[in-house]
Amino acid sequence: MSVDARRRVQLMATLFLTCLFGLLPAAKADAQEFLPAQKEPFFHNPIAKGADPWVIRDPQQPRYLWCKSDNDRGILIFESDDLTKLGKRHLVWKAPDEGPYSKEVWAPELHAIGDRYYVYFAASDGDNANHLTYVLKSKTSDPLGEYTLHGPMATGDGEDGQSPNIWAIDMTILQHNDKLFAIWSGWDQPGSDNQFLYIAPMSSPTKLSGPRVLVCDNDDHLWERIEPDASQRGLNEGPEIFQAKGKTSLLYSCGASWLPTYKLGRLELVKDDPLADGAWQKMPEPAFQSTESVYGVGHSCFVQSLDGKQWWHIFHAKIGPEPGWNRALHLQPMNVAEDGTPLLGSPLDRTTPIQRPSGQALSEEE
């Protein structure tokens, strides 16, 4: 059998198994697209080292924009036409040498709101207890251009949100009924180290306009605790919004980010007002959790393929089972139920070939 013929058989067999086990979100692929004359159509996880992934599809042009911390001292945005590669690197903000937001720059998120781009991130003076949330606003409609710094956000108690201001990380944005809301992970009181999810209204993308509201308890289920034991504390962080077919879901990370117990839970918005008591209904089972080979999964985000035909789930996973924060970035296709519920499945093994996202050129090499 020739090399081309052998590769054709291997590719067709892989496609059959991929479709059979539900690894393709749209299993209508034309096999002619994957003949040996084409470039390699598959990739394997992980795609890069790192944690707390965030990527959006640029509304202005067909590309992805990744947002990452630059060694805890700045903000990077990468532009790429291939979701499996971070692409070209741009430093859009550098932390000062000293001050309240000079160090521990964590989990930045890039959001396109109106004709500007905003980057929400947590930073401190080097002491984790002093973490607060800040936001960068682009000066123009260019996401790779200059930004101005705003903050810290008023994420504490009291009518002004600053009496006192309280520890806050992992801020994300909810757009609902033409209104903006901020959702983040915060301590219930200064110095407590008890992390809950909070929400507050926004008067603009750079300012909160009301006191924070507790979204839910952090230990309704044993699987939300650092370890699944009643003696262990609950921990909720990494909130992310998923909206489809009229349904709003809030995915969040729980367990311990430094242990294999890290996983995702899910809440549904069941009232019109996201600030109302009981507005968020917690699901009784995890939405996404470890397997024997891929563990410590969490801090997810979700993005559509460039052609809008597929949804992709991006998350980080631990590289080894020992305690610590040595993690890498994974991505895999996901499905959406008829009612808009995100169906994440299970983490795909690192040996599993995954078909590249639709709507983009195939990569020259793995």
Protein backbone atom coordinates (compact mmCIF):
# COMPACT_ATOMS: atom_id res chain seq x y z
CA MET A 1 0.00 0.00 0.00
CA SER A 2 1.40 3.43 -0.91
CA VAL A 3 2.04 6.12 1.74
CA ASP A 4 -0.83 8.22 0.39
CA ALA A 5 -3.22 5.26 0.41
CA ARG A 6 -2.18 4.28 3.93
CA ARG A 7 -2.70 7.81 5.20
CA ARG A 8 -6.07 7.99 3.49
CA VAL A 9 -7.19 4.83 5.33
CA GLN A 10 -5.85 6.16 8.66
CA LEU A 11 -7.60 9.49 8.26
CA MET A 12 -10.92 7.92 7.28
CA ALA A 13 -10.72 5.51 10.24
CA THR A 14 -10.03 8.36 12.62
CA LEU A 15 -12.94 10.34 11.21
CA PHE A 16 -15.24 7.34 11.68
CA LEU A 17 -14.23 6.90 15.31
CA THR A 18 -14.44 10.64 15.96
CA CYS A 19 -18.00 10.84 14.65
CA LEU A 20 -18.98 7.57 16.37
CA PHE A 21 -17.96 8.82 19.81
CA GLY A 22 -19.37 12.28 19.43
CA LEU A 23 -16.12 14.24 19.20
CA LEU A 24 -17.36 16.31 16.28
CA PRO A 25 -20.02 18.89 17.21
CA ALA A 26 -21.33 18.81 13.68
CA ALA A 27 -20.84 15.29 12.36
CA LYS A 28 -21.68 16.17 8.77
CA ALA A 29 -18.13 16.63 7.57
CA ASP A 30 -17.45 15.80 3.97
CA ALA A 31 -14.68 13.19 3.97
CA GLN A 32 -13.26 14.69 0.78
CA GLU A 33 -12.06 17.65 2.85
CA PHE A 34 -9.63 15.39 4.73
CA LEU A 35 -7.87 13.53 1.94
CA PRO A 36 -4.05 13.40 2.05
CA ALA A 37 -3.74 16.27 -0.41
CA GLN A 38 -4.97 18.58 2.37
CA LYS A 39 -2.96 19.83 5.34
CA GLU A 40 -3.19 18.03 8.69
CA PRO A 41 -6.81 18.38 9.91
CA PHE A 42 -6.28 17.24 13.51
CA PHE A 43 -4.59 18.52 16.65
CA HIS A 44 -3.89 17.16 20.14
CA ASN A 45 -4.20 18.74 23.57
CA PRO A 46 -2.67 20.55 25.30
CA ILE A 47 -2.06 23.43 22.90
CA ALA A 48 0.13 25.54 25.23
CA LYS A 49 1.31 25.91 28.80
CA GLY A 50 -0.63 28.32 30.96
CA ALA A 51 -3.81 28.79 32.96
CA ASP A 52 -7.05 30.80 33.13
CA PRO A 53 -7.62 30.86 29.34
CA TRP A 54 -9.67 33.56 27.68
CA VAL A 55 -10.34 33.91 23.95
CA ILE A 56 -12.98 35.70 21.89
CA ARG A 57 -13.88 35.78 18.23
CA ASP A 58 -13.11 39.32 17.08
CA PRO A 59 -16.38 40.97 15.94
CA GLN A 60 -14.46 43.15 13.47
CA GLN A 61 -12.59 40.56 11.43
CA PRO A 62 -12.20 36.76 11.14
CA ARG A 63 -9.67 36.06 13.86
CA TYR A 64 -9.41 34.95 17.47
CA LEU A 65 -8.08 37.20 20.21
CA TRP A 66 -6.48 35.44 23.17
CA CYS A 67 -5.91 37.39 26.40
CA LYS A 68 -3.29 36.27 28.94
CA SER A 69 -1.28 37.53 31.86
CA ASP A 70 2.36 38.26 31.05
CA ASN A 71 4.10 36.47 33.94
CA ASP A 72 1.79 38.24 36.42
CA ARG A 73 3.21 41.65 35.40
CA GLY A 74 1.23 42.72 32.34
CA ILE A 75 -1.49 41.93 29.81
CA LEU A 76 -0.93 40.17 26.49
CA ILE A 77 -3.32 39.87 23.55
CA PHE A 78 -2.57 37.31 20.85
CA GLU A 79 -4.18 37.39 17.39
CA SER A 80 -4.64 34.15 15.48
CA ASP A 81 -6.73 32.70 12.65
CA ASP A 82 -6.23 29.22 14.17
CA LEU A 83 -7.86 28.48 17.53
CA THR A 84 -5.30 25.76 18.22
CA LYS A 85 -2.44 28.30 18.23
CA LEU A 86 -2.12 31.49 20.26
CA GLY A 87 -0.66 33.40 17.32
CA LYS A 88 1.08 36.78 17.25
CA ARG A 89 1.88 38.30 20.65
CA HIS A 90 1.08 41.92 21.63
CA LEU A 91 1.85 43.51 25.00
CA VAL A 92 -1.01 45.98 25.57
CA TRP A 93 -0.33 46.91 29.22
CA LYS A 94 2.63 46.64 31.58
CA ALA A 95 2.23 46.86 35.35
CA PRO A 96 4.18 49.57 37.17
CA ASP A 97 7.17 48.59 39.28
CA GLU A 98 5.36 49.41 42.52
CA GLY A 99 1.89 50.15 43.78
CA PRO A 100 -1.50 48.48 44.39
CA TYR A 101 -1.72 46.90 40.91
CA SER A 102 1.96 46.22 40.23
CA LYS A 103 2.00 42.45 40.79
CA GLU A 104 -0.06 39.24 40.69
CA VAL A 105 -1.90 40.22 37.50
CA TRP A 106 -4.38 37.36 37.22
CA ALA A 107 -6.96 35.99 34.79
CA PRO A 108 -7.46 38.88 32.33
CA GLU A 109 -10.58 38.80 30.14
CA LEU A 110 -11.02 40.77 26.91
CA HIS A 111 -14.58 41.91 26.10
CA ALA A 112 -15.86 43.83 23.07
CA ILE A 113 -18.57 46.24 24.27
CA GLY A 114 -19.85 48.83 21.82
CA ASP A 115 -16.96 50.12 19.73
CA ARG A 116 -14.33 49.61 22.43
CA TYR A 117 -12.49 46.69 24.02
CA TYR A 118 -12.19 46.17 27.77
CA VAL A 119 -9.80 43.95 29.74
CA TYR A 120 -10.89 42.97 33.26
CA PHE A 121 -8.17 41.62 35.55
CA ALA A 122 -7.18 41.26 39.19
CA ALA A 123 -3.94 42.70 40.56
CA SER A 124 -2.29 43.45 43.90
CA ASP A 125 0.82 44.95 45.46
CA GLY A 126 2.30 41.47 45.85
CA ASP A 127 0.10 40.46 48.79
CA ASN A 128 -2.79 38.26 47.68
CA ALA A 129 -5.00 39.72 50.44
CA ASN A 130 -4.92 43.02 48.55
CA HIS A 131 -6.24 41.70 45.24
CA LEU A 132 -8.82 44.00 43.61
CA THR A 133 -10.23 44.20 40.10
CA TYR A 134 -9.20 46.74 37.46
CA VAL A 135 -10.22 47.34 33.87
CA LEU A 136 -8.39 48.56 30.78
CA LYS A 137 -10.37 50.48 28.12
CA SER A 138 -9.07 50.69 24.55
CA LYS A 139 -8.51 54.24 23.31
CA THR A 140 -9.79 53.29 19.85
CA SER A 141 -11.62 50.40 18.20
CA ASP A 142 -8.29 48.59 17.77
CA PRO A 143 -7.97 45.80 20.39
CA LEU A 144 -4.20 45.79 19.88
CA GLY A 145 -3.75 49.52 20.42
CA GLU A 146 -3.36 51.63 23.55
CA TYR A 147 -5.47 51.24 26.69
CA THR A 148 -6.30 53.42 29.70
CA LEU A 149 -6.50 51.99 33.23
CA HIS A 150 -9.62 52.34 35.40
CA GLY A 151 -10.28 51.13 38.93
CA PRO A 152 -10.15 49.52 41.29
CA MET A 153 -13.74 48.40 40.85
CA ALA A 154 -16.03 48.92 43.84
CA THR A 155 -16.40 45.23 44.76
CA GLY A 156 -16.97 45.62 48.50
CA ASP A 157 -19.96 46.19 50.75
CA GLY A 158 -21.95 49.33 51.46
CA GLU A 159 -23.89 51.44 48.97
CA ASP A 160 -20.68 52.73 47.42
CA GLY A 161 -19.11 49.27 47.21
CA GLN A 162 -16.00 50.60 48.92
CA SER A 163 -16.87 50.66 52.62
CA PRO A 164 -14.68 48.71 52.68
CA ASN A 165 -13.59 47.50 49.27
CA ILE A 166 -13.08 43.74 49.36
CA TRP A 167 -10.86 41.19 47.61
CA ALA A 168 -12.06 40.35 44.09
CA ILE A 169 -10.72 38.25 41.21
CA ASP A 170 -11.96 36.60 37.98
CA MET A 171 -14.40 39.33 36.93
CA THR A 172 -16.53 38.62 33.87
CA ILE A 173 -19.38 40.48 32.16
CA LEU A 174 -23.05 39.57 31.70
CA GLN A 175 -25.07 41.43 29.06
CA HIS A 176 -28.77 40.85 29.74
CA ASN A 177 -31.81 42.83 28.55
CA ASP A 178 -29.53 45.60 27.25
CA LYS A 179 -27.97 45.99 30.70
CA LEU A 180 -24.47 45.25 31.95
CA PHE A 181 -23.60 43.28 35.07
CA ALA A 182 -20.26 42.29 36.58
CA ILE A 183 -19.79 38.85 38.14
CA TRP A 184 -16.69 37.88 40.11
CA SER A 185 -15.23 35.74 42.88
CA GLY A 186 -14.82 37.61 46.16
CA TRP A 187 -14.21 37.15 49.86
CA ASP A 188 -17.25 37.48 52.10
CA GLN A 189 -15.30 39.87 54.35
CA PRO A 190 -11.77 41.32 54.43
CA GLY A 191 -9.17 38.67 55.20
CA SER A 192 -11.61 35.77 55.33
CA ASP A 193 -10.28 33.70 52.38
CA ASN A 194 -13.84 32.39 51.78
CA GLN A 195 -14.59 32.72 48.07
CA PHE A 196 -18.14 33.27 46.81
CA LEU A 197 -19.65 34.46 43.54
CA TYR A 198 -20.99 38.03 43.52
CA ILE A 199 -22.87 40.14 40.97
CA ALA A 200 -23.43 43.89 40.69
CA PRO A 201 -25.03 46.23 38.12
CA MET A 202 -22.84 48.47 35.96
CA SER A 203 -23.46 52.05 34.86
CA SER A 204 -20.70 51.67 32.26
CA PRO A 205 -18.15 49.00 31.32
CA THR A 206 -15.70 50.61 33.78
CA LYS A 207 -17.96 51.30 36.78
CA LEU A 208 -20.22 49.33 39.10
CA SER A 209 -23.44 51.13 40.02
CA GLY A 210 -24.76 49.24 43.02
CA PRO A 211 -23.79 47.08 45.98
CA ARG A 212 -22.68 43.53 45.36
CA VAL A 213 -25.22 40.71 45.61
CA LEU A 214 -24.35 37.13 46.60
CA VAL A 215 -25.12 34.78 43.71
CA CYS A 216 -25.19 31.53 45.72
CA ASP A 217 -23.62 29.61 48.58
CA ASN A 218 -20.28 27.99 47.78
CA ASP A 219 -20.88 24.61 49.46
CA ASP A 220 -24.37 23.40 48.53
CA HIS A 221 -22.80 20.16 47.27
CA LEU A 222 -19.83 18.14 48.49
CA TRP A 223 -18.27 18.31 45.03
CA GLU A 224 -17.98 22.11 45.37
CA ARG A 225 -15.65 21.76 48.35
CA ILE A 226 -11.86 21.72 48.17
CA GLU A 227 -12.18 17.98 48.71
CA PRO A 228 -15.50 16.07 48.75
CA ASP A 229 -15.76 15.96 52.52
CA ALA A 230 -18.14 17.83 54.84
CA SER A 231 -15.17 19.03 56.88
CA GLN A 232 -13.72 20.92 53.91
CA ARG A 233 -14.72 24.43 52.87
CA GLY A 234 -16.48 25.37 49.67
CA LEU A 235 -14.79 27.51 47.04
CA ASN A 236 -16.40 29.17 43.98
CA GLU A 237 -14.40 31.15 41.41
CA GLY A 238 -13.84 31.62 37.67
CA PRO A 239 -17.43 32.59 36.72
CA GLU A 240 -18.14 32.57 32.96
CA ILE A 241 -21.34 33.28 31.06
CA PHE A 242 -22.70 31.05 28.30
CA GLN A 243 -25.77 32.25 26.37
CA ALA A 244 -27.59 30.33 23.64
CA LYS A 245 -31.18 29.97 22.41
CA GLY A 246 -32.51 32.40 25.00
CA LYS A 247 -30.92 30.65 28.01
CA THR A 248 -28.22 32.19 30.21
CA SER A 249 -25.92 29.81 32.08
CA LEU A 250 -23.21 30.73 34.56
CA LEU A 251 -20.39 28.17 34.61
CA TYR A 252 -18.04 28.43 37.58
CA SER A 253 -14.96 26.66 38.90
CA CYS A 254 -15.00 24.95 42.28
CA GLY A 255 -12.97 22.53 44.34
CA ALA A 256 -9.29 23.44 44.63
CA SER A 257 -7.36 24.92 41.70
CA TRP A 258 -4.18 23.31 43.06
CA LEU A 259 -5.67 19.79 43.26
CA PRO A 260 -7.21 17.30 40.82
CA THR A 261 -10.61 18.09 42.43
CA TYR A 262 -11.00 21.29 40.36
CA LYS A 263 -14.13 21.14 38.21
CA LEU A 264 -17.06 23.15 36.81
CA GLY A 265 -20.50 23.73 38.24
CA ARG A 266 -23.39 25.43 36.45
CA LEU A 267 -26.14 27.87 37.39
CA GLU A 268 -29.13 28.90 35.26
CA LEU A 269 -30.70 32.35 35.25
CA VAL A 270 -34.35 31.61 36.08
CA LYS A 271 -35.61 35.14 36.77
CA ASP A 272 -35.62 38.24 34.59
CA ASP A 273 -33.54 40.23 37.08
CA PRO A 274 -30.06 38.70 37.65
CA LEU A 275 -29.85 40.59 40.97
CA ALA A 276 -33.08 39.16 42.41
CA ASP A 277 -33.11 36.68 45.25
CA GLY A 278 -33.17 33.16 43.79
CA ALA A 279 -32.40 34.41 40.26
CA TRP A 280 -29.74 31.72 39.79
CA GLN A 281 -30.60 28.03 40.09
CA LYS A 282 -27.66 25.72 40.82
CA MET A 283 -27.50 22.38 39.04
CA PRO A 284 -27.05 19.34 41.34
CA GLU A 285 -24.24 17.67 39.37
CA PRO A 286 -20.91 19.00 38.04
CA ALA A 287 -20.97 20.31 34.49
CA PHE A 288 -17.40 19.17 33.73
CA GLN A 289 -14.92 17.22 35.83
CA SER A 290 -11.70 15.25 35.79
CA THR A 291 -11.07 11.85 34.30
CA GLU A 292 -8.30 9.40 35.20
CA SER A 293 -6.01 11.00 32.61
CA VAL A 294 -7.08 14.67 32.52
CA TYR A 295 -7.59 16.30 35.91
CA GLY A 296 -7.81 19.63 37.68
CA VAL A 297 -10.00 21.01 34.89
CA GLY A 298 -11.51 24.45 35.16
CA HIS A 299 -11.53 28.20 34.55
CA SER A 300 -13.23 27.73 31.21
CA CYS A 301 -14.34 30.01 28.42
CA PHE A 302 -16.44 29.35 25.32
CA VAL A 303 -16.10 30.58 21.74
CA GLN A 304 -17.65 29.88 18.37
CA SER A 305 -15.65 28.81 15.33
CA LEU A 306 -14.87 31.50 12.77
CA ASP A 307 -17.79 30.39 10.59
CA GLY A 308 -20.16 30.31 13.58
CA LYS A 309 -21.06 26.64 13.05
CA GLN A 310 -19.39 25.17 16.14
CA TRP A 311 -18.96 25.90 19.84
CA TRP A 312 -15.62 25.24 21.52
CA HIS A 313 -14.78 24.80 25.19
CA ILE A 314 -11.40 26.12 26.34
CA PHE A 315 -10.08 25.23 29.81
CA HIS A 316 -6.92 24.49 31.71
CA ALA A 317 -5.89 21.18 33.27
CA LYS A 318 -3.13 20.14 35.63
CA ILE A 319 -0.04 18.62 34.06
CA GLY A 320 0.52 16.31 37.03
CA PRO A 321 -1.60 15.08 39.98
CA GLU A 322 0.63 16.55 42.69
CA PRO A 323 -0.55 19.76 44.44
CA GLY A 324 0.41 22.94 42.62
CA TRP A 325 -0.40 25.18 39.70
CA ASN A 326 1.52 23.58 36.82
CA ARG A 327 -1.19 23.71 34.14
CA ALA A 328 -1.76 23.69 30.39
CA LEU A 329 -4.45 24.89 27.98
CA HIS A 330 -6.92 22.48 26.38
CA LEU A 331 -9.73 22.97 23.91
CA GLN A 332 -12.38 20.65 22.56
CA PRO A 333 -15.73 20.82 20.75
CA MET A 334 -18.91 21.04 22.78
CA ASN A 335 -22.61 20.75 22.04
CA VAL A 336 -25.64 22.84 22.90
CA ALA A 337 -29.00 21.27 23.75
CA GLU A 338 -32.24 22.37 22.13
CA ASP A 339 -33.06 24.46 25.20
CA GLY A 340 -29.67 26.23 25.17
CA THR A 341 -27.97 24.14 27.87
CA PRO A 342 -24.20 23.79 27.27
CA LEU A 343 -23.22 20.11 27.00
CA LEU A 344 -19.51 19.87 27.81
CA GLY A 345 -19.07 16.11 27.98
CA SER A 346 -15.78 14.94 29.52
CA PRO A 347 -12.16 16.06 29.00
CA LEU A 348 -10.67 14.34 25.96
CA ASP A 349 -7.55 12.30 26.54
CA ARG A 350 -4.32 13.88 25.34
CA THR A 351 -3.88 11.04 22.83
CA THR A 352 -7.23 11.76 21.15
CA PRO A 353 -6.97 13.45 17.73
CA ILE A 354 -9.43 16.34 17.50
CA GLN A 355 -10.65 17.84 14.26
CA ARG A 356 -9.66 21.48 13.92
CA PRO A 357 -12.38 24.14 14.20
CA SER A 358 -14.41 24.80 11.08
CA GLY A 359 -14.06 28.00 9.10
CA GLN A 360 -10.27 28.24 9.32
CA ALA A 361 -7.39 27.14 7.12
CA LEU A 362 -5.76 23.86 8.12
CA SER A 363 -2.40 24.18 9.84
CA GLU A 364 0.86 23.57 8.02
CA GLU A 365 2.11 21.36 10.83
CA GLU A 366 1.20 19.98 14.22
